[in-house]
Amino acid sequence: ATSRLQFVQSTIASAFLTANTVFRPLSAQAANEPESTTTMFQLPSGIKYLELTPGTGPSPEYGQLCTIAYKAYVKLPANKKNANPQPQAFDQSTAYLLKHGNGRTIAGLDEGLHTMNVGGTRRILIPPKLGYVTSGLGPIPEYPWDRARLNSLLDDMVSLRGGTVVFEVTLLKVRDDEADQGYYQDGSLTPEEFAALQANIQRRAAAAADA
């Protein structure tokens, strides 16, 4: 059977074609905006994005901690069973913490965040080569049934030899990692400390939403 890594390596060229698809709005905020007023930007890596709401705050620097809200989807390519598959959601979060540039986030999302400004919302279209190419990359859905759904969608991308991972993401906050003393590999948060900090932020966000 074709492995995901083999699939990624063999579909780099097709990833650029897949990313050309412009999705209809996936959020209520974007639903009221005419598509003709939204410009599609392309990065040299093949990532494409729509700037749904420009931010006014700072952009993240590598090594900083970023808090984001997001909804994540997979858009499968046209196939014999479905000529126009709709994006399928597999995860969302109202307050997800990541360290920018530490290699634990899928490359397409990390790169797409780099030029965002705090307060902005962006829809990022990620080709397979910059998505979930290996285990351990986040964001990983919290619940097992959502993780199973993501794995199933990734398997479909392999069998159909195409597809795009989509994140509609809002950059909520950026801040320095106080444990980082200026050497990116030294003094940073351990994976356990990072996970605990992320869980605390998510709990606070959930409590605020229920209040």
N, C-alpha and C. Protein backbone atom coordinates (compact mmCIF):
# COMPACT_ATOMS: atom_id res chain seq x y z
N ALA A 1 0.84 -1.19 0.00
CA ALA A 1 0.00 0.00 0.00
C ALA A 1 0.87 1.24 0.00
N THR A 2 0.39 2.29 -0.63
CA THR A 2 1.14 3.54 -0.67
C THR A 2 1.11 4.21 0.69
N SER A 3 2.27 4.54 1.23
CA SER A 3 2.34 5.22 2.52
C SER A 3 2.03 6.68 2.35
N ARG A 4 1.70 7.35 3.47
CA ARG A 4 1.42 8.79 3.39
C ARG A 4 2.64 9.56 2.94
N LEU A 5 3.85 9.16 3.41
CA LEU A 5 5.05 9.85 3.01
C LEU A 5 5.29 9.70 1.52
N GLN A 6 5.10 8.47 0.98
CA GLN A 6 5.25 8.27 -0.46
C GLN A 6 4.24 9.10 -1.24
N PHE A 7 3.02 9.17 -0.69
CA PHE A 7 1.98 9.98 -1.34
C PHE A 7 2.38 11.44 -1.40
N VAL A 8 2.90 11.96 -0.28
CA VAL A 8 3.32 13.37 -0.22
C VAL A 8 4.43 13.62 -1.23
N GLN A 9 5.41 12.72 -1.27
CA GLN A 9 6.53 12.91 -2.17
C GLN A 9 6.10 12.87 -3.64
N SER A 10 5.09 12.06 -3.94
CA SER A 10 4.68 11.89 -5.33
C SER A 10 3.64 12.89 -5.79
N THR A 11 3.13 13.72 -4.86
CA THR A 11 2.06 14.64 -5.24
C THR A 11 2.40 16.10 -4.98
N ILE A 12 3.69 16.42 -4.92
CA ILE A 12 4.08 17.81 -4.69
C ILE A 12 3.55 18.70 -5.81
N ALA A 13 3.68 18.22 -7.05
CA ALA A 13 3.20 19.03 -8.18
C ALA A 13 1.69 19.19 -8.14
N SER A 14 0.98 18.11 -7.85
CA SER A 14 -0.49 18.19 -7.84
C SER A 14 -1.00 19.01 -6.68
N ALA A 15 -0.19 19.19 -5.64
CA ALA A 15 -0.63 19.99 -4.50
C ALA A 15 -0.89 21.43 -4.91
N PHE A 16 -0.09 21.95 -5.84
CA PHE A 16 -0.30 23.32 -6.28
C PHE A 16 -1.62 23.44 -7.03
N LEU A 17 -1.98 22.40 -7.79
CA LEU A 17 -3.25 22.43 -8.51
C LEU A 17 -4.41 22.32 -7.55
N THR A 18 -4.29 21.44 -6.54
CA THR A 18 -5.35 21.26 -5.57
C THR A 18 -5.62 22.54 -4.81
N ALA A 19 -4.55 23.28 -4.49
CA ALA A 19 -4.69 24.49 -3.68
C ALA A 19 -5.38 25.61 -4.44
N ASN A 20 -5.59 25.44 -5.76
CA ASN A 20 -6.25 26.48 -6.53
C ASN A 20 -7.72 26.61 -6.21
N THR A 21 -8.30 25.60 -5.56
CA THR A 21 -9.72 25.63 -5.23
C THR A 21 -10.01 26.73 -4.23
N VAL A 22 -10.98 27.59 -4.52
CA VAL A 22 -11.41 28.62 -3.58
C VAL A 22 -12.71 28.15 -2.95
N PHE A 23 -12.71 27.92 -1.65
CA PHE A 23 -13.88 27.40 -0.98
C PHE A 23 -14.89 28.51 -0.72
N ARG A 24 -16.14 28.14 -0.69
CA ARG A 24 -17.15 29.09 -0.25
C ARG A 24 -16.97 29.31 1.24
N PRO A 25 -17.47 30.44 1.75
CA PRO A 25 -17.22 30.77 3.15
C PRO A 25 -17.59 29.63 4.10
N LEU A 26 -16.72 29.38 5.08
CA LEU A 26 -16.93 28.33 6.05
C LEU A 26 -17.39 28.88 7.39
N SER A 27 -17.40 30.19 7.54
CA SER A 27 -17.80 30.79 8.81
C SER A 27 -18.90 31.81 8.57
N ALA A 28 -19.67 32.10 9.63
CA ALA A 28 -20.74 33.08 9.50
C ALA A 28 -20.17 34.45 9.18
N GLN A 29 -18.98 34.74 9.72
CA GLN A 29 -18.37 36.04 9.48
C GLN A 29 -18.05 36.22 8.00
N ALA A 30 -17.48 35.17 7.40
CA ALA A 30 -17.10 35.28 5.99
C ALA A 30 -18.30 35.16 5.06
N ALA A 31 -19.39 34.59 5.55
CA ALA A 31 -20.54 34.33 4.69
C ALA A 31 -21.16 35.60 4.15
N ASN A 32 -21.01 36.71 4.85
CA ASN A 32 -21.62 37.96 4.43
C ASN A 32 -20.71 38.79 3.54
N GLU A 33 -19.50 38.28 3.23
CA GLU A 33 -18.56 39.03 2.42
C GLU A 33 -18.60 38.53 0.98
N PRO A 34 -18.74 39.41 -0.01
CA PRO A 34 -18.70 38.97 -1.40
C PRO A 34 -17.35 38.33 -1.71
N GLU A 35 -17.36 37.15 -2.38
CA GLU A 35 -16.11 36.48 -2.68
C GLU A 35 -15.22 37.32 -3.58
N SER A 36 -15.82 38.17 -4.41
CA SER A 36 -15.03 38.95 -5.36
C SER A 36 -14.15 39.97 -4.65
N THR A 37 -14.45 40.31 -3.38
CA THR A 37 -13.66 41.31 -2.67
C THR A 37 -12.52 40.67 -1.90
N THR A 38 -12.42 39.34 -1.89
CA THR A 38 -11.39 38.65 -1.14
C THR A 38 -10.33 38.15 -2.09
N THR A 39 -9.08 38.58 -1.87
CA THR A 39 -7.98 38.23 -2.75
C THR A 39 -7.27 36.98 -2.25
N MET A 40 -6.98 36.06 -3.15
CA MET A 40 -6.22 34.87 -2.82
C MET A 40 -4.73 35.17 -2.96
N PHE A 41 -3.97 34.93 -1.89
CA PHE A 41 -2.53 35.13 -1.92
C PHE A 41 -1.85 33.77 -1.98
N GLN A 42 -0.71 33.70 -2.66
CA GLN A 42 0.05 32.46 -2.75
C GLN A 42 1.47 32.70 -2.28
N LEU A 43 1.98 31.80 -1.42
CA LEU A 43 3.35 31.84 -0.95
C LEU A 43 4.21 30.93 -1.82
N PRO A 44 5.51 31.17 -1.87
CA PRO A 44 6.39 30.35 -2.71
C PRO A 44 6.31 28.85 -2.41
N SER A 45 5.97 28.48 -1.20
CA SER A 45 5.89 27.08 -0.80
C SER A 45 4.70 26.35 -1.40
N GLY A 46 3.72 27.10 -1.91
CA GLY A 46 2.50 26.50 -2.44
C GLY A 46 1.29 26.75 -1.57
N ILE A 47 1.51 27.29 -0.36
CA ILE A 47 0.39 27.66 0.51
C ILE A 47 -0.39 28.80 -0.11
N LYS A 48 -1.70 28.74 0.01
CA LYS A 48 -2.55 29.86 -0.40
C LYS A 48 -3.42 30.27 0.78
N TYR A 49 -3.80 31.54 0.80
CA TYR A 49 -4.66 31.98 1.89
C TYR A 49 -5.54 33.15 1.48
N LEU A 50 -6.68 33.24 2.16
CA LEU A 50 -7.61 34.35 2.02
C LEU A 50 -7.57 35.15 3.32
N GLU A 51 -7.38 36.44 3.21
CA GLU A 51 -7.38 37.32 4.39
C GLU A 51 -8.82 37.74 4.64
N LEU A 52 -9.51 37.01 5.53
CA LEU A 52 -10.92 37.28 5.77
C LEU A 52 -11.12 38.53 6.61
N THR A 53 -10.28 38.70 7.62
CA THR A 53 -10.31 39.91 8.47
C THR A 53 -8.89 40.32 8.78
N PRO A 54 -8.43 41.48 8.30
CA PRO A 54 -7.07 41.90 8.62
C PRO A 54 -6.92 42.20 10.11
N GLY A 55 -5.79 41.81 10.68
CA GLY A 55 -5.51 42.12 12.07
C GLY A 55 -4.81 43.46 12.20
N THR A 56 -4.79 43.99 13.39
CA THR A 56 -4.15 45.29 13.64
C THR A 56 -3.02 45.19 14.66
N GLY A 57 -2.83 44.00 15.24
CA GLY A 57 -1.80 43.83 16.25
C GLY A 57 -0.49 43.35 15.64
N PRO A 58 0.45 42.93 16.47
CA PRO A 58 1.75 42.48 15.99
C PRO A 58 1.69 41.13 15.30
N SER A 59 2.70 40.84 14.49
CA SER A 59 2.87 39.52 13.88
C SER A 59 3.76 38.67 14.78
N PRO A 60 3.56 37.35 14.77
CA PRO A 60 4.38 36.50 15.64
C PRO A 60 5.81 36.38 15.14
N GLU A 61 6.73 36.29 16.08
CA GLU A 61 8.12 36.01 15.78
C GLU A 61 8.43 34.57 16.17
N TYR A 62 9.39 33.96 15.49
CA TYR A 62 9.75 32.60 15.82
C TYR A 62 10.22 32.51 17.26
N GLY A 63 9.71 31.51 17.97
CA GLY A 63 10.03 31.34 19.38
C GLY A 63 8.98 31.90 20.31
N GLN A 64 8.04 32.70 19.77
CA GLN A 64 6.98 33.24 20.61
C GLN A 64 5.84 32.23 20.75
N LEU A 65 5.05 32.41 21.81
CA LEU A 65 3.85 31.61 22.02
C LEU A 65 2.68 32.31 21.35
N CYS A 66 1.88 31.55 20.60
CA CYS A 66 0.72 32.09 19.90
C CYS A 66 -0.54 31.39 20.40
N THR A 67 -1.57 32.16 20.68
CA THR A 67 -2.88 31.61 20.99
C THR A 67 -3.78 31.85 19.79
N ILE A 68 -4.38 30.78 19.27
CA ILE A 68 -5.23 30.89 18.09
C ILE A 68 -6.57 30.22 18.33
N ALA A 69 -7.58 30.66 17.59
CA ALA A 69 -8.84 29.95 17.47
C ALA A 69 -8.92 29.45 16.04
N TYR A 70 -9.44 28.25 15.84
CA TYR A 70 -9.44 27.73 14.48
C TYR A 70 -10.57 26.72 14.28
N LYS A 71 -10.89 26.53 13.00
CA LYS A 71 -11.69 25.41 12.52
C LYS A 71 -10.88 24.74 11.42
N ALA A 72 -10.82 23.41 11.44
CA ALA A 72 -9.98 22.68 10.50
C ALA A 72 -10.82 21.75 9.63
N TYR A 73 -10.45 21.69 8.36
CA TYR A 73 -11.20 20.92 7.37
C TYR A 73 -10.24 20.17 6.45
N VAL A 74 -10.76 19.17 5.76
CA VAL A 74 -10.06 18.56 4.64
C VAL A 74 -10.97 18.67 3.43
N LYS A 75 -10.42 19.15 2.33
CA LYS A 75 -11.14 19.22 1.05
C LYS A 75 -10.55 18.16 0.13
N LEU A 76 -11.32 17.10 -0.11
CA LEU A 76 -10.87 16.02 -0.98
C LEU A 76 -11.03 16.43 -2.45
N PRO A 77 -10.26 15.83 -3.34
CA PRO A 77 -10.39 16.17 -4.76
C PRO A 77 -11.61 15.52 -5.39
N ALA A 78 -11.99 16.03 -6.54
CA ALA A 78 -13.09 15.42 -7.29
C ALA A 78 -12.73 13.97 -7.61
N ASN A 79 -13.74 13.10 -7.57
CA ASN A 79 -13.49 11.69 -7.82
C ASN A 79 -14.73 11.08 -8.46
N LYS A 80 -14.69 9.79 -8.74
CA LYS A 80 -15.79 9.13 -9.44
C LYS A 80 -17.07 9.14 -8.62
N LYS A 81 -16.95 9.09 -7.31
CA LYS A 81 -18.14 9.06 -6.45
C LYS A 81 -18.69 10.45 -6.18
N ASN A 82 -17.85 11.48 -6.26
CA ASN A 82 -18.28 12.83 -5.91
C ASN A 82 -17.51 13.83 -6.76
N ALA A 83 -18.20 14.50 -7.65
CA ALA A 83 -17.53 15.43 -8.56
C ALA A 83 -17.14 16.74 -7.87
N ASN A 84 -17.76 17.03 -6.74
CA ASN A 84 -17.45 18.28 -6.04
C ASN A 84 -17.57 18.09 -4.53
N PRO A 85 -16.60 17.38 -3.92
CA PRO A 85 -16.66 17.14 -2.47
C PRO A 85 -16.61 18.45 -1.69
N GLN A 86 -17.42 18.52 -0.65
CA GLN A 86 -17.41 19.69 0.22
C GLN A 86 -16.36 19.52 1.32
N PRO A 87 -15.81 20.63 1.82
CA PRO A 87 -14.85 20.53 2.92
C PRO A 87 -15.48 19.82 4.11
N GLN A 88 -14.74 18.91 4.72
CA GLN A 88 -15.22 18.13 5.86
C GLN A 88 -14.45 18.53 7.12
N ALA A 89 -15.18 18.97 8.13
CA ALA A 89 -14.55 19.43 9.37
C ALA A 89 -14.05 18.25 10.18
N PHE A 90 -12.89 18.44 10.84
CA PHE A 90 -12.38 17.39 11.71
C PHE A 90 -11.93 17.92 13.07
N ASP A 91 -11.88 19.25 13.25
CA ASP A 91 -11.40 19.77 14.54
C ASP A 91 -11.69 21.25 14.63
N GLN A 92 -11.78 21.75 15.88
CA GLN A 92 -11.87 23.18 16.12
C GLN A 92 -11.44 23.48 17.55
N SER A 93 -11.02 24.70 17.80
CA SER A 93 -10.63 25.13 19.13
C SER A 93 -10.84 26.63 19.25
N THR A 94 -11.22 27.08 20.45
CA THR A 94 -11.40 28.51 20.69
C THR A 94 -10.15 29.13 21.31
N ALA A 95 -9.20 28.31 21.76
CA ALA A 95 -7.97 28.84 22.35
C ALA A 95 -6.91 27.74 22.34
N TYR A 96 -6.15 27.68 21.25
CA TYR A 96 -5.10 26.67 21.11
C TYR A 96 -3.75 27.36 21.19
N LEU A 97 -2.86 26.82 22.00
CA LEU A 97 -1.55 27.41 22.22
C LEU A 97 -0.49 26.64 21.44
N LEU A 98 0.37 27.36 20.73
CA LEU A 98 1.49 26.74 20.04
C LEU A 98 2.71 27.64 20.15
N LYS A 99 3.88 27.03 20.01
CA LYS A 99 5.12 27.81 19.97
C LYS A 99 5.53 27.93 18.51
N HIS A 100 5.61 29.15 18.04
CA HIS A 100 5.82 29.41 16.63
C HIS A 100 7.22 28.99 16.20
N GLY A 101 7.27 28.06 15.25
CA GLY A 101 8.54 27.65 14.67
C GLY A 101 9.27 26.55 15.41
N ASN A 102 8.61 25.86 16.34
CA ASN A 102 9.32 24.82 17.10
C ASN A 102 9.26 23.45 16.45
N GLY A 103 8.60 23.34 15.29
CA GLY A 103 8.57 22.07 14.57
C GLY A 103 7.51 21.10 15.02
N ARG A 104 6.63 21.51 15.96
CA ARG A 104 5.59 20.60 16.44
C ARG A 104 4.22 20.91 15.84
N THR A 105 4.17 21.92 14.99
CA THR A 105 2.94 22.29 14.29
C THR A 105 3.11 21.96 12.81
N ILE A 106 2.04 21.54 12.14
CA ILE A 106 2.17 21.27 10.71
C ILE A 106 2.73 22.51 10.01
N ALA A 107 3.65 22.28 9.09
CA ALA A 107 4.41 23.38 8.51
C ALA A 107 3.53 24.42 7.82
N GLY A 108 2.46 23.95 7.17
CA GLY A 108 1.60 24.89 6.45
C GLY A 108 0.91 25.88 7.35
N LEU A 109 0.44 25.42 8.51
CA LEU A 109 -0.20 26.32 9.46
C LEU A 109 0.82 27.27 10.07
N ASP A 110 1.99 26.76 10.44
CA ASP A 110 3.02 27.60 11.04
C ASP A 110 3.44 28.70 10.07
N GLU A 111 3.63 28.36 8.80
CA GLU A 111 4.02 29.36 7.81
C GLU A 111 2.90 30.35 7.56
N GLY A 112 1.66 29.85 7.51
CA GLY A 112 0.53 30.74 7.27
C GLY A 112 0.32 31.75 8.39
N LEU A 113 0.68 31.37 9.62
CA LEU A 113 0.54 32.28 10.76
C LEU A 113 1.59 33.38 10.76
N HIS A 114 2.72 33.13 10.13
CA HIS A 114 3.88 34.00 10.32
C HIS A 114 3.63 35.44 9.89
N THR A 115 2.82 35.65 8.87
CA THR A 115 2.56 37.01 8.38
C THR A 115 1.21 37.54 8.84
N MET A 116 0.53 36.83 9.74
CA MET A 116 -0.73 37.33 10.28
C MET A 116 -0.46 38.40 11.34
N ASN A 117 -1.49 39.20 11.62
CA ASN A 117 -1.45 40.16 12.72
C ASN A 117 -2.50 39.77 13.75
N VAL A 118 -2.21 40.03 15.00
CA VAL A 118 -3.16 39.71 16.06
C VAL A 118 -4.50 40.38 15.77
N GLY A 119 -5.56 39.61 15.94
CA GLY A 119 -6.91 40.09 15.65
C GLY A 119 -7.40 39.71 14.27
N GLY A 120 -6.51 39.21 13.42
CA GLY A 120 -6.88 38.86 12.06
C GLY A 120 -7.38 37.43 11.94
N THR A 121 -8.16 37.20 10.88
CA THR A 121 -8.66 35.87 10.56
C THR A 121 -8.27 35.54 9.13
N ARG A 122 -7.74 34.35 8.96
CA ARG A 122 -7.21 33.94 7.66
C ARG A 122 -7.65 32.51 7.37
N ARG A 123 -8.00 32.23 6.13
CA ARG A 123 -8.27 30.86 5.68
C ARG A 123 -7.05 30.38 4.92
N ILE A 124 -6.39 29.36 5.46
CA ILE A 124 -5.13 28.87 4.92
C ILE A 124 -5.36 27.54 4.22
N LEU A 125 -4.96 27.46 2.96
CA LEU A 125 -5.09 26.25 2.15
C LEU A 125 -3.73 25.58 2.07
N ILE A 126 -3.61 24.39 2.64
CA ILE A 126 -2.32 23.75 2.83
C ILE A 126 -2.20 22.52 1.94
N PRO A 127 -1.19 22.48 1.07
CA PRO A 127 -1.00 21.29 0.23
C PRO A 127 -0.50 20.11 1.07
N PRO A 128 -0.65 18.89 0.57
CA PRO A 128 -0.30 17.70 1.36
C PRO A 128 1.13 17.71 1.90
N LYS A 129 2.08 18.22 1.14
CA LYS A 129 3.49 18.16 1.55
C LYS A 129 3.76 19.01 2.79
N LEU A 130 2.85 19.92 3.14
CA LEU A 130 3.04 20.79 4.30
C LEU A 130 1.99 20.54 5.38
N GLY A 131 1.30 19.40 5.28
CA GLY A 131 0.27 19.06 6.24
C GLY A 131 0.72 18.01 7.24
N TYR A 132 -0.15 17.02 7.46
CA TYR A 132 0.12 15.98 8.45
C TYR A 132 0.98 14.88 7.81
N VAL A 133 2.26 15.19 7.60
CA VAL A 133 3.15 14.27 6.88
C VAL A 133 3.79 13.25 7.81
N THR A 134 3.71 13.46 9.11
CA THR A 134 4.27 12.52 10.07
C THR A 134 3.49 12.61 11.37
N SER A 135 3.59 11.60 12.20
CA SER A 135 2.88 11.60 13.47
C SER A 135 3.50 12.61 14.43
N GLY A 136 2.69 13.11 15.35
CA GLY A 136 3.18 14.02 16.36
C GLY A 136 3.04 15.48 16.03
N LEU A 137 2.59 15.81 14.82
CA LEU A 137 2.40 17.21 14.45
C LEU A 137 1.00 17.66 14.83
N GLY A 138 0.90 18.87 15.36
CA GLY A 138 -0.38 19.41 15.76
C GLY A 138 -0.88 20.46 14.78
N PRO A 139 -2.10 20.92 14.98
CA PRO A 139 -3.01 20.53 16.06
C PRO A 139 -3.59 19.12 15.86
N ILE A 140 -3.65 18.37 16.95
CA ILE A 140 -4.27 17.06 16.95
C ILE A 140 -5.62 17.18 17.66
N PRO A 141 -6.71 16.69 17.05
CA PRO A 141 -8.01 16.78 17.72
C PRO A 141 -7.98 16.19 19.13
N GLU A 142 -8.71 16.83 20.03
CA GLU A 142 -8.71 16.42 21.43
C GLU A 142 -9.40 15.08 21.64
N TYR A 143 -10.50 14.85 20.92
CA TYR A 143 -11.32 13.67 21.18
C TYR A 143 -10.96 12.53 20.22
N PRO A 144 -11.02 11.28 20.70
CA PRO A 144 -10.60 10.15 19.86
C PRO A 144 -11.42 10.01 18.59
N TRP A 145 -12.73 10.31 18.65
CA TRP A 145 -13.54 10.18 17.44
C TRP A 145 -13.15 11.22 16.38
N ASP A 146 -12.70 12.40 16.84
CA ASP A 146 -12.23 13.41 15.88
C ASP A 146 -10.87 13.01 15.31
N ARG A 147 -10.01 12.40 16.15
CA ARG A 147 -8.73 11.92 15.63
C ARG A 147 -8.95 10.81 14.61
N ALA A 148 -9.92 9.94 14.87
CA ALA A 148 -10.24 8.88 13.91
C ALA A 148 -10.74 9.47 12.60
N ARG A 149 -11.54 10.53 12.70
CA ARG A 149 -12.05 11.19 11.49
C ARG A 149 -10.91 11.80 10.68
N LEU A 150 -9.97 12.45 11.38
CA LEU A 150 -8.82 13.02 10.68
C LEU A 150 -8.02 11.93 9.98
N ASN A 151 -7.74 10.82 10.68
CA ASN A 151 -6.99 9.73 10.07
C ASN A 151 -7.71 9.17 8.85
N SER A 152 -9.04 9.07 8.93
CA SER A 152 -9.81 8.57 7.80
C SER A 152 -9.71 9.52 6.61
N LEU A 153 -9.78 10.82 6.87
CA LEU A 153 -9.67 11.80 5.79
C LEU A 153 -8.27 11.79 5.16
N LEU A 154 -7.23 11.61 6.00
CA LEU A 154 -5.88 11.54 5.46
C LEU A 154 -5.70 10.29 4.61
N ASP A 155 -6.32 9.19 5.04
CA ASP A 155 -6.27 7.97 4.22
C ASP A 155 -6.98 8.18 2.89
N ASP A 156 -8.10 8.94 2.92
CA ASP A 156 -8.81 9.24 1.67
C ASP A 156 -7.94 10.09 0.75
N MET A 157 -7.18 11.03 1.33
CA MET A 157 -6.27 11.84 0.51
C MET A 157 -5.24 10.97 -0.18
N VAL A 158 -4.75 9.96 0.53
CA VAL A 158 -3.77 9.05 -0.06
C VAL A 158 -4.39 8.23 -1.18
N SER A 159 -5.57 7.67 -0.92
CA SER A 159 -6.20 6.80 -1.93
C SER A 159 -6.63 7.59 -3.15
N LEU A 160 -7.05 8.85 -2.95
CA LEU A 160 -7.50 9.68 -4.07
C LEU A 160 -6.35 10.50 -4.68
N ARG A 161 -5.17 10.42 -4.04
CA ARG A 161 -3.96 11.10 -4.53
C ARG A 161 -4.18 12.60 -4.71
N GLY A 162 -4.72 13.22 -3.67
CA GLY A 162 -4.92 14.66 -3.71
C GLY A 162 -5.73 15.12 -2.52
N GLY A 163 -5.87 16.43 -2.41
CA GLY A 163 -6.64 17.01 -1.32
C GLY A 163 -5.92 18.18 -0.70
N THR A 164 -6.62 18.93 0.11
CA THR A 164 -6.09 20.12 0.75
C THR A 164 -6.55 20.18 2.19
N VAL A 165 -5.65 20.48 3.10
CA VAL A 165 -6.00 20.73 4.50
C VAL A 165 -6.27 22.23 4.64
N VAL A 166 -7.37 22.57 5.27
CA VAL A 166 -7.79 23.97 5.37
C VAL A 166 -7.94 24.36 6.84
N PHE A 167 -7.32 25.46 7.21
CA PHE A 167 -7.51 26.03 8.55
C PHE A 167 -8.08 27.43 8.42
N GLU A 168 -9.21 27.66 9.05
CA GLU A 168 -9.72 29.03 9.20
C GLU A 168 -9.35 29.46 10.60
N VAL A 169 -8.38 30.36 10.70
CA VAL A 169 -7.71 30.61 11.97
C VAL A 169 -7.73 32.10 12.31
N THR A 170 -7.96 32.38 13.60
CA THR A 170 -7.87 33.74 14.13
C THR A 170 -6.69 33.80 15.09
N LEU A 171 -5.80 34.76 14.88
CA LEU A 171 -4.66 34.94 15.78
C LEU A 171 -5.10 35.82 16.94
N LEU A 172 -5.22 35.21 18.11
CA LEU A 172 -5.76 35.91 19.28
C LEU A 172 -4.71 36.67 20.07
N LYS A 173 -3.51 36.07 20.19
CA LYS A 173 -2.51 36.68 21.06
C LYS A 173 -1.14 36.11 20.74
N VAL A 174 -0.11 36.95 20.87
CA VAL A 174 1.28 36.48 20.82
C VAL A 174 2.01 37.03 22.03
N ARG A 175 2.93 36.25 22.55
CA ARG A 175 3.72 36.71 23.69
C ARG A 175 5.03 35.95 23.74
N ASP A 176 6.00 36.52 24.40
CA ASP A 176 7.29 35.87 24.53
C ASP A 176 7.19 34.67 25.45
N ASP A 177 8.02 33.67 25.17
CA ASP A 177 8.16 32.53 26.05
C ASP A 177 9.13 32.92 27.16
N GLU A 178 8.62 33.18 28.35
CA GLU A 178 9.46 33.68 29.44
C GLU A 178 10.52 32.67 29.87
N ALA A 179 10.31 31.39 29.54
CA ALA A 179 11.30 30.37 29.89
C ALA A 179 12.45 30.32 28.89
N ASP A 180 12.28 31.00 27.76
CA ASP A 180 13.31 31.01 26.73
C ASP A 180 14.26 32.17 27.01
N GLN A 181 15.51 31.88 27.31
CA GLN A 181 16.47 32.90 27.70
C GLN A 181 17.24 33.49 26.53
N GLY A 182 16.71 33.32 25.33
CA GLY A 182 17.36 33.90 24.17
C GLY A 182 18.01 32.88 23.27
N TYR A 183 18.15 31.66 23.74
CA TYR A 183 18.67 30.58 22.92
C TYR A 183 17.50 29.66 22.61
N TYR A 184 17.16 29.59 21.35
CA TYR A 184 15.90 28.95 20.99
C TYR A 184 15.80 27.51 21.48
N GLN A 185 16.93 26.79 21.51
CA GLN A 185 16.89 25.40 21.93
C GLN A 185 17.12 25.23 23.43
N ASP A 186 17.50 26.30 24.14
CA ASP A 186 17.82 26.20 25.56
C ASP A 186 16.78 26.92 26.40
N GLY A 187 16.37 26.28 27.47
CA GLY A 187 15.50 26.95 28.43
C GLY A 187 14.06 27.07 27.98
N SER A 188 13.68 26.48 26.86
CA SER A 188 12.29 26.56 26.41
C SER A 188 11.43 25.63 27.24
N LEU A 189 10.13 25.83 27.12
CA LEU A 189 9.20 24.95 27.81
C LEU A 189 9.39 23.50 27.36
N THR A 190 9.33 22.58 28.32
CA THR A 190 9.35 21.16 27.97
C THR A 190 8.00 20.81 27.33
N PRO A 191 7.91 19.69 26.60
CA PRO A 191 6.62 19.29 26.03
C PRO A 191 5.54 19.16 27.09
N GLU A 192 5.90 18.67 28.28
CA GLU A 192 4.91 18.51 29.35
C GLU A 192 4.43 19.87 29.86
N GLU A 193 5.36 20.82 30.05
CA GLU A 193 4.99 22.16 30.50
C GLU A 193 4.13 22.86 29.45
N PHE A 194 4.51 22.69 28.19
CA PHE A 194 3.75 23.30 27.09
C PHE A 194 2.34 22.75 27.05
N ALA A 195 2.19 21.43 27.20
CA ALA A 195 0.87 20.80 27.17
C ALA A 195 0.02 21.28 28.34
N ALA A 196 0.64 21.43 29.53
CA ALA A 196 -0.10 21.91 30.70
C ALA A 196 -0.57 23.35 30.49
N LEU A 197 0.30 24.19 29.93
CA LEU A 197 -0.07 25.58 29.67
C LEU A 197 -1.19 25.66 28.65
N GLN A 198 -1.10 24.84 27.61
CA GLN A 198 -2.15 24.82 26.59
C GLN A 198 -3.48 24.37 27.18
N ALA A 199 -3.44 23.34 28.03
CA ALA A 199 -4.67 22.85 28.66
C ALA A 199 -5.30 23.91 29.55
N ASN A 200 -4.48 24.67 30.28
CA ASN A 200 -5.01 25.73 31.14
C ASN A 200 -5.70 26.81 30.32
N ILE A 201 -5.10 27.20 29.20
CA ILE A 201 -5.70 28.23 28.35
C ILE A 201 -7.02 27.74 27.77
N GLN A 202 -7.07 26.47 27.35
CA GLN A 202 -8.30 25.92 26.79
C GLN A 202 -9.40 25.84 27.85
N ARG A 203 -9.04 25.48 29.10
CA ARG A 203 -10.02 25.43 30.16
C ARG A 203 -10.59 26.82 30.46
N ARG A 204 -9.71 27.81 30.49
CA ARG A 204 -10.16 29.18 30.74
C ARG A 204 -11.09 29.67 29.64
N ALA A 205 -10.74 29.33 28.39
CA ALA A 205 -11.60 29.74 27.27
C ALA A 205 -12.95 29.06 27.35
N ALA A 206 -12.96 27.77 27.72
CA ALA A 206 -14.24 27.06 27.84
C ALA A 206 -15.07 27.63 28.96
N ALA A 207 -14.43 27.98 30.10
CA ALA A 207 -15.16 28.56 31.22
C ALA A 207 -15.73 29.92 30.86
N ALA A 208 -14.96 30.71 30.10
CA ALA A 208 -15.45 32.03 29.68
C ALA A 208 -16.63 31.90 28.73
N ALA A 209 -16.58 30.87 27.86
CA ALA A 209 -17.67 30.67 26.90
C ALA A 209 -18.96 30.24 27.61
N ASP A 210 -18.82 29.51 28.71
CA ASP A 210 -19.99 29.03 29.45
C ASP A 210 -20.54 30.08 30.39
N ALA A 211 -19.75 31.11 30.69
CA ALA A 211 -20.18 32.13 31.67
C ALA A 211 -21.32 32.97 31.11
